[in-house]
Every structure is written in structure tokens, then in C-alpha cells.
C-alpha atoms as a PDB file:
ATOM      1  CA  MET A   1       0.000   0.000   0.000  1.00  0.00           C
ATOM      2  CA  ASN A   2       1.371   3.368  -1.039  1.00  0.00           C
ATOM      3  CA  SER A   3       2.805   5.033   2.061  1.00  0.00           C
ATOM      4  CA  ILE A   4       2.411   8.504   0.511  1.00  0.00           C
ATOM      5  CA  ILE A   5      -1.345   7.992   0.163  1.00  0.00           C
ATOM      6  CA  LEU A   6      -1.547   6.700   3.735  1.00  0.00           C
ATOM      7  CA  LEU A   7       0.343   9.728   5.023  1.00  0.00           C
ATOM      8  CA  TYR A   8      -1.793  12.100   2.956  1.00  0.00           C
ATOM      9  CA  ILE A   9      -5.038  10.616   4.282  1.00  0.00           C
ATOM     10  CA  PHE A  10      -3.803  10.736   7.883  1.00  0.00           C
ATOM     11  CA  ILE A  11      -2.656  14.358   7.589  1.00  0.00           C
ATOM     12  CA  THR A  12      -5.923  15.325   5.916  1.00  0.00           C
ATOM     13  CA  GLY A  13      -7.765  13.664   8.767  1.00  0.00           C
ATOM     14  CA  THR A  14      -5.815  15.590  11.405  1.00  0.00           C
ATOM     15  CA  ILE A  15      -6.487  18.899   9.637  1.00  0.00           C
ATOM     16  CA  LEU A  16     -10.193  18.162   9.376  1.00  0.00           C
ATOM     17  CA  GLY A  17     -10.210  16.885  12.959  1.00  0.00           C
ATOM     18  CA  SER A  18      -8.983  20.287  14.119  1.00  0.00           C
ATOM     19  CA  PHE A  19     -11.870  21.917  12.277  1.00  0.00           C
ATOM     20  CA  PHE A  20     -14.409  19.399  13.601  1.00  0.00           C
ATOM     21  CA  ASN A  21     -13.275  20.134  17.150  1.00  0.00           C
ATOM     22  CA  VAL A  22     -13.925  23.829  16.598  1.00  0.00           C
ATOM     23  CA  VAL A  23     -17.365  23.080  15.138  1.00  0.00           C
ATOM     24  CA  GLY A  24     -18.236  20.862  18.095  1.00  0.00           C
ATOM     25  CA  LEU A  25     -17.234  23.590  20.545  1.00  0.00           C
ATOM     26  CA  ARG A  26     -18.788  26.557  18.753  1.00  0.00           C
ATOM     27  CA  LEU A  27     -21.965  25.287  17.085  1.00  0.00           C
ATOM     28  CA  PRO A  28     -23.886  24.559  20.325  1.00  0.00           C
ATOM     29  CA  ARG A  29     -23.086  28.113  21.483  1.00  0.00           C
ATOM     30  CA  ASN A  30     -24.057  29.668  18.124  1.00  0.00           C
ATOM     31  CA  ILE A  31     -20.549  31.044  17.656  1.00  0.00           C
ATOM     32  CA  PRO A  32     -19.512  31.399  13.982  1.00  0.00           C
ATOM     33  CA  PHE A  33     -16.863  28.882  13.001  1.00  0.00           C
ATOM     34  CA  THR A  34     -16.430  29.707   9.312  1.00  0.00           C
ATOM     35  CA  THR A  35     -15.752  33.443   9.482  1.00  0.00           C
ATOM     36  CA  SER A  36     -14.119  34.173  12.835  1.00  0.00           C
ATOM     37  CA  ARG A  37     -10.451  33.400  13.446  1.00  0.00           C
ATOM     38  CA  SER A  38      -9.316  30.764  15.914  1.00  0.00           C
ATOM     39  CA  ALA A  39      -8.242  32.237  19.239  1.00  0.00           C
ATOM     40  CA  CYS A  40      -7.015  31.105  22.624  1.00  0.00           C
ATOM     41  CA  PRO A  41     -10.132  30.205  24.678  1.00  0.00           C
ATOM     42  CA  HIS A  42      -8.548  31.820  27.757  1.00  0.00           C
ATOM     43  CA  CYS A  43      -6.905  35.092  26.655  1.00  0.00           C
ATOM     44  CA  SER A  44      -8.736  35.424  23.291  1.00  0.00           C
ATOM     45  CA  THR A  45      -5.495  36.153  21.438  1.00  0.00           C
ATOM     46  CA  PRO A  46      -5.916  35.245  17.738  1.00  0.00           C
ATOM     47  CA  LEU A  47      -3.846  32.222  16.789  1.00  0.00           C
ATOM     48  CA  GLN A  48      -1.185  32.416  14.108  1.00  0.00           C
ATOM     49  CA  ALA A  49      -0.446  29.816  11.436  1.00  0.00           C
ATOM     50  CA  ARG A  50       2.269  28.206  13.564  1.00  0.00           C
ATOM     51  CA  ASP A  51      -0.305  27.669  16.328  1.00  0.00           C
ATOM     52  CA  LEU A  52      -2.629  25.740  14.029  1.00  0.00           C
ATOM     53  CA  ILE A  53      -0.452  22.871  12.803  1.00  0.00           C
ATOM     54  CA  PRO A  54      -2.327  19.707  13.812  1.00  0.00           C
ATOM     55  CA  LEU A  55      -0.617  17.752  16.632  1.00  0.00           C
ATOM     56  CA  PHE A  56       2.755  19.514  16.252  1.00  0.00           C
ATOM     57  CA  SER A  57       1.616  22.915  17.534  1.00  0.00           C
ATOM     58  CA  TYR A  58       0.310  21.307  20.721  1.00  0.00           C
ATOM     59  CA  LEU A  59       3.516  19.346  21.224  1.00  0.00           C
ATOM     60  CA  ILE A  60       5.827  22.282  20.463  1.00  0.00           C
ATOM     61  CA  SER A  61       3.934  24.591  22.844  1.00  0.00           C
ATOM     62  CA  LYS A  62       3.860  21.808  25.474  1.00  0.00           C
ATOM     63  CA  GLY A  63       0.098  22.108  25.700  1.00  0.00           C
ATOM     64  CA  LYS A  64       0.105  25.779  26.683  1.00  0.00           C
ATOM     65  CA  CYS A  65      -0.885  29.038  25.026  1.00  0.00           C
ATOM     66  CA  ARG A  66       2.199  30.979  23.867  1.00  0.00           C
ATOM     67  CA  HIS A  67       0.681  34.224  25.129  1.00  0.00           C
ATOM     68  CA  CYS A  68      -0.992  33.529  28.485  1.00  0.00           C
ATOM     69  CA  GLN A  69       0.682  30.170  29.279  1.00  0.00           C
ATOM     70  CA  HIS A  70      -2.697  28.710  30.204  1.00  0.00           C
ATOM     71  CA  SER A  71      -3.060  24.979  29.583  1.00  0.00           C
ATOM     72  CA  ILE A  72      -4.778  23.987  26.346  1.00  0.00           C
ATOM     73  CA  SER A  73      -7.340  21.188  26.543  1.00  0.00           C
ATOM     74  CA  ILE A  74      -6.082  17.776  25.452  1.00  0.00           C
ATOM     75  CA  THR A  75      -9.262  17.420  23.384  1.00  0.00           C
ATOM     76  CA  TYR A  76      -7.694  19.514  20.620  1.00  0.00           C
ATOM     77  CA  PRO A  77      -4.872  17.118  19.695  1.00  0.00           C
ATOM     78  CA  LEU A  78      -7.054  14.110  20.550  1.00  0.00           C
ATOM     79  CA  ALA A  79      -9.691  15.159  18.011  1.00  0.00           C
ATOM     80  CA  GLU A  80      -6.968  15.609  15.392  1.00  0.00           C
ATOM     81  CA  LEU A  81      -5.277  12.288  16.141  1.00  0.00           C
ATOM     82  CA  ILE A  82      -8.502  10.265  16.317  1.00  0.00           C
ATOM     83  CA  THR A  83      -9.854  11.735  13.076  1.00  0.00           C
ATOM     84  CA  GLY A  84      -6.592  11.036  11.264  1.00  0.00           C
ATOM     85  CA  PHE A  85      -6.468   7.483  12.601  1.00  0.00           C
ATOM     86  CA  LEU A  86     -10.101   6.736  11.697  1.00  0.00           C
ATOM     87  CA  PHE A  87      -9.699   8.150   8.173  1.00  0.00           C
ATOM     88  CA  LEU A  88      -6.666   5.925   7.771  1.00  0.00           C
ATOM     89  CA  LEU A  89      -8.509   2.879   9.131  1.00  0.00           C
ATOM     90  CA  ALA A  90     -11.414   3.531   6.772  1.00  0.00           C
ATOM     91  CA  TYR A  91      -9.073   3.750   3.783  1.00  0.00           C
ATOM     92  CA  ILE A  92      -7.263   0.536   4.726  1.00  0.00           C
ATOM     93  CA  ASN A  93     -10.578  -1.294   4.989  1.00  0.00           C
ATOM     94  CA  LEU A  94     -12.454   0.247   2.059  1.00  0.00           C
ATOM     95  CA  GLY A  95      -9.872   1.669  -0.334  1.00  0.00           C
ATOM     96  CA  LEU A  96     -10.632   4.688  -2.513  1.00  0.00           C
ATOM     97  CA  THR A  97     -14.306   3.842  -2.997  1.00  0.00           C
ATOM     98  CA  LEU A  98     -17.606   5.599  -2.531  1.00  0.00           C
ATOM     99  CA  GLU A  99     -18.063   3.718   0.720  1.00  0.00           C
ATOM    100  CA  PHE A 100     -14.776   5.239   1.912  1.00  0.00           C
ATOM    101  CA  ALA A 101     -16.306   8.660   1.251  1.00  0.00           C
ATOM    102  CA  GLY A 102     -19.327   7.566   3.282  1.00  0.00           C
ATOM    103  CA  ALA A 103     -17.047   6.460   6.097  1.00  0.00           C
ATOM    104  CA  CYS A 104     -15.317   9.851   6.119  1.00  0.00           C
ATOM    105  CA  LEU A 105     -18.693  11.578   6.361  1.00  0.00           C
ATOM    106  CA  LEU A 106     -19.651   9.312   9.247  1.00  0.00           C
ATOM    107  CA  ILE A 107     -16.347   9.905  11.038  1.00  0.00           C
ATOM    108  CA  SER A 108     -16.774  13.654  10.587  1.00  0.00           C
ATOM    109  CA  LEU A 109     -20.186  13.531  12.249  1.00  0.00           C
ATOM    110  CA  ALA A 110     -18.838  11.234  14.973  1.00  0.00           C
ATOM    111  CA  VAL A 111     -16.049  13.613  15.996  1.00  0.00           C
ATOM    112  CA  ILE A 112     -18.298  16.687  16.065  1.00  0.00           C
ATOM    113  CA  VAL A 113     -21.013  14.878  18.038  1.00  0.00           C
ATOM    114  CA  THR A 114     -18.485  13.585  20.557  1.00  0.00           C
ATOM    115  CA  VAL A 115     -16.973  17.021  21.188  1.00  0.00           C
ATOM    116  CA  SER A 116     -20.381  18.668  21.458  1.00  0.00           C
ATOM    117  CA  ASP A 117     -22.052  16.032  23.631  1.00  0.00           C
ATOM    118  CA  VAL A 118     -19.114  15.634  26.013  1.00  0.00           C
ATOM    119  CA  ASN A 119     -18.768  19.380  26.537  1.00  0.00           C
ATOM    120  CA  TYR A 120     -22.394  20.499  26.527  1.00  0.00           C
ATOM    121  CA  MET A 121     -24.577  17.344  26.761  1.00  0.00           C
ATOM    122  CA  LEU A 122     -26.108  18.562  23.505  1.00  0.00           C
ATOM    123  CA  ILE A 123     -26.267  17.349  19.911  1.00  0.00           C
ATOM    124  CA  PRO A 124     -27.277  20.383  17.807  1.00  0.00           C
ATOM    125  CA  ASN A 125     -30.285  20.001  15.512  1.00  0.00           C
ATOM    126  CA  LYS A 126     -28.496  22.066  12.847  1.00  0.00           C
ATOM    127  CA  LEU A 127     -25.699  19.516  12.762  1.00  0.00           C
ATOM    128  CA  LEU A 128     -28.040  16.538  12.417  1.00  0.00           C
ATOM    129  CA  LEU A 129     -30.140  18.249   9.769  1.00  0.00           C
ATOM    130  CA  PHE A 130     -27.038  19.061   7.723  1.00  0.00           C
ATOM    131  CA  PHE A 131     -25.739  15.491   7.868  1.00  0.00           C
ATOM    132  CA  ALA A 132     -29.200  14.020   7.240  1.00  0.00           C
ATOM    133  CA  VAL A 133     -29.305  15.937   3.950  1.00  0.00           C
ATOM    134  CA  VAL A 134     -25.711  14.919   3.135  1.00  0.00           C
ATOM    135  CA  PHE A 135     -26.453  11.244   3.879  1.00  0.00           C
ATOM    136  CA  ILE A 136     -29.582  11.329   1.718  1.00  0.00           C
ATOM    137  CA  ILE A 137     -27.613  12.771  -1.199  1.00  0.00           C
ATOM    138  CA  PHE A 138     -24.863  10.213  -0.653  1.00  0.00           C
ATOM    139  CA  ARG A 139     -27.337   7.326  -0.654  1.00  0.00           C
ATOM    140  CA  ILE A 140     -28.946   8.640  -3.844  1.00  0.00           C
ATOM    141  CA  ILE A 141     -25.502   8.529  -5.465  1.00  0.00           C
ATOM    142  CA  ASP A 142     -24.516   5.219  -3.861  1.00  0.00           C
ATOM    143  CA  PRO A 143     -27.756   3.501  -2.764  1.00  0.00           C
ATOM    144  CA  LEU A 144     -28.050   0.559  -0.427  1.00  0.00           C
ATOM    145  CA  HIS A 145     -29.547  -2.677  -1.725  1.00  0.00           C
ATOM    146  CA  PRO A 146     -32.479  -2.469  -1.643  1.00  0.00           C
ATOM    147  CA  TRP A 147     -32.537   1.321  -1.849  1.00  0.00           C
ATOM    148  CA  TYR A 148     -35.347   1.646   0.709  1.00  0.00           C
ATOM    149  CA  ASP A 149     -33.122   0.057   3.362  1.00  0.00           C
ATOM    150  CA  SER A 150     -32.032   3.625   4.175  1.00  0.00           C
ATOM    151  CA  ILE A 151     -35.643   4.505   4.974  1.00  0.00           C
ATOM    152  CA  TYR A 152     -36.022   1.412   7.160  1.00  0.00           C
ATOM    153  CA  GLY A 153     -32.786   2.255   8.969  1.00  0.00           C
ATOM    154  CA  ALA A 154     -33.794   5.854   9.643  1.00  0.00           C
ATOM    155  CA  LEU A 155     -37.305   5.010  10.838  1.00  0.00           C
ATOM    156  CA  THR A 156     -36.112   2.124  13.001  1.00  0.00           C
ATOM    157  CA  GLY A 157     -33.325   4.127  14.634  1.00  0.00           C
ATOM    158  CA  PHE A 158     -35.707   6.975  15.386  1.00  0.00           C
ATOM    159  CA  ALA A 159     -38.547   4.751  16.613  1.00  0.00           C
ATOM    160  CA  ILE A 160     -36.513   2.522  18.944  1.00  0.00           C
ATOM    161  CA  ILE A 161     -35.001   5.439  20.837  1.00  0.00           C
ATOM    162  CA  LEU A 162     -38.421   7.112  20.969  1.00  0.00           C
ATOM    163  CA  VAL A 163     -39.861   4.008  22.628  1.00  0.00           C
ATOM    164  CA  ILE A 164     -36.953   3.948  25.102  1.00  0.00           C
ATOM    165  CA  ILE A 165     -37.510   7.637  25.920  1.00  0.00           C
ATOM    166  CA  VAL A 166     -41.215   7.034  26.565  1.00  0.00           C
ATOM    167  CA  LEU A 167     -40.760   3.857  28.620  1.00  0.00           C
ATOM    168  CA  SER A 168     -37.872   5.282  30.658  1.00  0.00           C
ATOM    169  CA  LYS A 169     -39.624   8.640  31.076  1.00  0.00           C
ATOM    170  CA  GLY A 170     -36.741  10.619  29.651  1.00  0.00           C
ATOM    171  CA  GLY A 171     -33.906   8.192  30.336  1.00  0.00           C
ATOM    172  CA  MET A 172     -32.454   9.098  26.936  1.00  0.00           C
ATOM    173  CA  GLY A 173     -32.401  12.399  25.109  1.00  0.00           C
ATOM    174  CA  ALA A 174     -34.167  13.460  21.942  1.00  0.00           C
ATOM    175  CA  GLY A 175     -30.755  14.232  20.475  1.00  0.00           C
ATOM    176  CA  ASP A 176     -29.823  10.546  20.680  1.00  0.00           C
ATOM    177  CA  MET A 177     -33.091   9.656  18.941  1.00  0.00           C
ATOM    178  CA  LYS A 178     -32.473  12.069  16.079  1.00  0.00           C
ATOM    179  CA  LEU A 179     -28.829  11.000  15.875  1.00  0.00           C
ATOM    180  CA  LEU A 180     -29.619   7.298  15.428  1.00  0.00           C
ATOM    181  CA  GLY A 181     -32.327   8.165  12.917  1.00  0.00           C
ATOM    182  CA  THR A 182     -29.831  10.230  10.935  1.00  0.00           C
ATOM    183  CA  LEU A 183     -27.271   7.420  11.024  1.00  0.00           C
ATOM    184  CA  GLY A 184     -29.922   4.997   9.800  1.00  0.00           C
ATOM    185  CA  ILE A 185     -30.074   6.841   6.479  1.00  0.00           C
ATOM    186  CA  LEU A 186     -26.455   5.972   5.815  1.00  0.00           C
ATOM    187  CA  MET A 187     -26.322   2.526   7.392  1.00  0.00           C
ATOM    188  CA  GLY A 188     -29.599   0.754   6.677  1.00  0.00           C
ATOM    189  CA  LEU A 189     -31.646  -1.472   8.972  1.00  0.00           C
ATOM    190  CA  LYS A 190     -29.173  -4.210   9.982  1.00  0.00           C
ATOM    191  CA  LEU A 191     -26.255  -1.915  10.745  1.00  0.00           C
ATOM    192  CA  THR A 192     -28.521   0.513  12.593  1.00  0.00           C
ATOM    193  CA  LEU A 193     -29.691  -2.287  14.894  1.00  0.00           C
ATOM    194  CA  LEU A 194     -26.098  -3.438  15.343  1.00  0.00           C
ATOM    195  CA  THR A 195     -25.098   0.156  16.140  1.00  0.00           C
ATOM    196  CA  LEU A 196     -27.707   0.365  18.907  1.00  0.00           C
ATOM    197  CA  PHE A 197     -26.565  -2.972  20.361  1.00  0.00           C
ATOM    198  CA  LEU A 198     -22.878  -1.993  20.335  1.00  0.00           C
ATOM    199  CA  ALA A 199     -23.657   1.497  21.645  1.00  0.00           C
ATOM    200  CA  THR A 200     -25.424  -0.053  24.627  1.00  0.00           C
ATOM    201  CA  LEU A 201     -22.396  -2.215  25.389  1.00  0.00           C
ATOM    202  CA  ILE A 202     -19.937   0.656  24.925  1.00  0.00           C
ATOM    203  CA  GLY A 203     -22.037   3.067  26.961  1.00  0.00           C
ATOM    204  CA  THR A 204     -22.399   0.538  29.770  1.00  0.00           C
ATOM    205  CA  VAL A 205     -18.656  -0.106  29.944  1.00  0.00           C
ATOM    206  CA  ILE A 206     -17.801   3.599  29.887  1.00  0.00           C
ATOM    207  CA  SER A 207     -20.407   4.580  32.478  1.00  0.00           C
ATOM    208  CA  LEU A 208     -19.427   1.771  34.858  1.00  0.00           C
ATOM    209  CA  THR A 209     -15.773   2.727  34.480  1.00  0.00           C
ATOM    210  CA  LEU A 210     -16.519   6.383  35.239  1.00  0.00           C
ATOM    211  CA  LEU A 211     -18.653   5.348  38.211  1.00  0.00           C
ATOM    212  CA  SER A 212     -15.940   3.086  39.598  1.00  0.00           C
ATOM    213  CA  PHE A 213     -13.412   5.934  39.449  1.00  0.00           C
ATOM    214  CA  LYS A 214     -16.026   8.344  40.870  1.00  0.00           C
ATOM    215  CA  VAL A 215     -15.774  10.628  37.853  1.00  0.00           C
ATOM    216  CA  ILE A 216     -19.579  10.704  37.772  1.00  0.00           C
ATOM    217  CA  GLY A 217     -22.259   9.853  40.307  1.00  0.00           C
ATOM    218  CA  ARG A 218     -25.145   7.433  39.858  1.00  0.00           C
ATOM    219  CA  LYS A 219     -27.605  10.260  39.217  1.00  0.00           C
ATOM    220  CA  ASP A 220     -25.316  12.377  37.040  1.00  0.00           C
ATOM    221  CA  PRO A 221     -26.281  12.746  33.360  1.00  0.00           C
ATOM    222  CA  PHE A 222     -24.133  10.751  30.957  1.00  0.00           C
ATOM    223  CA  PRO A 223     -23.644  11.675  27.271  1.00  0.00           C
ATOM    224  CA  PHE A 224     -24.695   8.691  25.150  1.00  0.00           C
ATOM    225  CA  GLY A 225     -23.977  10.315  21.788  1.00  0.00           C
ATOM    226  CA  PRO A 226     -20.257   9.360  21.742  1.00  0.00           C
ATOM    227  CA  SER A 227     -21.174   5.710  22.350  1.00  0.00           C
ATOM    228  CA  ILE A 228     -23.648   5.794  19.466  1.00  0.00           C
ATOM    229  CA  VAL A 229     -21.220   7.310  16.968  1.00  0.00           C
ATOM    230  CA  LEU A 230     -18.353   5.028  18.023  1.00  0.00           C
ATOM    231  CA  ALA A 231     -20.656   2.043  17.578  1.00  0.00           C
ATOM    232  CA  ALA A 232     -21.725   3.427  14.192  1.00  0.00           C
ATOM    233  CA  VAL A 233     -18.128   3.683  12.970  1.00  0.00           C
ATOM    234  CA  ILE A 234     -17.410   0.116  14.120  1.00  0.00           C
ATOM    235  CA  SER A 235     -20.607  -1.114  12.450  1.00  0.00           C
ATOM    236  CA  TYR A 236     -19.909   0.722   9.201  1.00  0.00           C
ATOM    237  CA  LEU A 237     -16.364  -0.618   8.892  1.00  0.00           C
ATOM    238  CA  PHE A 238     -16.769  -4.100  10.365  1.00  0.00           C
ATOM    239  CA  GLY A 239     -20.509  -4.631  10.827  1.00  0.00           C
ATOM    240  CA  PHE A 240     -21.192  -7.292   8.228  1.00  0.00           C
ATOM    241  CA  ASP A 241     -18.131  -9.251   9.323  1.00  0.00           C
ATOM    242  CA  LEU A 242     -19.390  -9.118  12.923  1.00  0.00           C
ATOM    243  CA  LEU A 243     -22.864 -10.244  11.854  1.00  0.00           C
ATOM    244  CA  GLN A 244     -21.374 -13.107   9.827  1.00  0.00           C
ATOM    245  CA  LEU A 245     -19.241 -14.154  12.801  1.00  0.00           C
ATOM    246  CA  TYR A 246     -22.301 -14.073  15.055  1.00  0.00           C
ATOM    247  CA  TYR A 247     -24.290 -16.189  12.597  1.00  0.00           C
ATOM    248  CA  GLU A 248     -21.527 -18.754  12.177  1.00  0.00           C
ATOM    249  CA  THR A 249     -20.972 -18.964  15.947  1.00  0.00           C
ATOM    250  CA  PHE A 250     -24.575 -19.455  17.022  1.00  0.00           C
ATOM    251  CA  PHE A 251     -26.390 -20.905  14.024  1.00  0.00           C
ATOM    252  CA  LEU A 252     -23.906 -23.190  12.290  1.00  0.00           C
END
């Protein structure tokens, strides 16, 4: 595999990851992210080009603002590194195909949702509406088989979370419902159901871990969006292999 292409995809991912982090932080607060310059969140000093190099700027500055010396959140380089890694993983698994483009769209949504939900316990409607339209266009260009599987996936993802919200009297948020419905457009029925199953497992492990280390209390709210999008990425890249393994293990 061409190492130059691998490096290019990783670097592209880190650059986009930096942008996605900004979107996730600014969109819930209705702060423009396309016209205003990046600035230190503590002293508001506009950042220069040398401050915006993905990963390297954080390492060179030792995680501190050059102007006020205040610590910079680790989420900035983490978003860059994770996006680059996931883009690379998607390329290795899918190659330069339309489904690779779909994976990049999914990863983009996943990073923004994670940043937003972790910081504000909120998944913006504007974000989901934008990606719902993008996913619909993508599935018109590269439809599932059958094509209406996207409709089944969207309706099922939306309906299941709605039922959970009603039965649990608000145990999950409407943002999670709209998120899984949006993902269903891209993923179809089977992968949407697999996403919900994996998200439940991931969310349970994370919440129990945080409880055991007393990071959160039993009654504290817990953002479920990151678990959903992580499960969606796993399902998109490896879902049919996991389903085949499950079938061969329990039915053959």
C-alpha cells in the first residue's frame, strides 16, 4: 500500500479533525466557526499559522498558550489524532471507494457529536439536519440494496429510541433519537440495529468505568452520543463481518 497515500489521508484527517473540534465547541453556542479566526479560549489572542499545525503545535507549545501560558485542553490534539487514525482505518478497509467517502462523512459527524455532547450534553439540531441531507444525497448517489433500506434504517433508529424515551420517562435524550435516525439513512436497517446494540455495550462499559473511578455519580447525566457514533463507525467498517461471525458462531 502506497505510504504517501496513507500519510496524505492521515494528515488530511488531522487537519479536518482540528476543524471538527472547533465546530463541536462553537456550534452549540451559536458562535460562527467559518468566518471568525481561531483564538485562545482563555486570553482570546488570535492564533497564528504556527499555532494551528495539527498535533505539532500542541507538542511544540507543550500544551500551553504561547501568550498567556494557560493549559490547552487535550481534546484539541485528541480530536486531530482520532480523526486522522479513523480516516486511515477507513481507507485501509475500504480503499478509494464511494463507501470510503461515506465512512469519512460518518467519522466527521462522529467527531463533532463527541466534542459537542461531552462538553455540553447537547447534539445540535443544525448539525443533524445538515448530515441528514448529506447522507440522503450520498445514498442517492450510492444507494443501499435495496434502496429503501435507508428509509427502514432511519425510521427504526428513530422509533426505537423514541420508545426507550417514553418507557424510561426521559432516560435518553431526543438528540440521541435524532442521531440514530440520521445514522440509519447511511447505514440501513441491519447496521442501525447493530449500532444500537454496540452502543449499549460501549455506553455501559464507559459509564461503569466512570462510576468506579467516581468521575460521575449514579444520578449524574451521561452523554450517550459518543457511544452511538463510536458504535456506528465500528458497524460501518466491520458490521457485516461481525454479523457473519455471530451467525456462524450461534447458528452453524
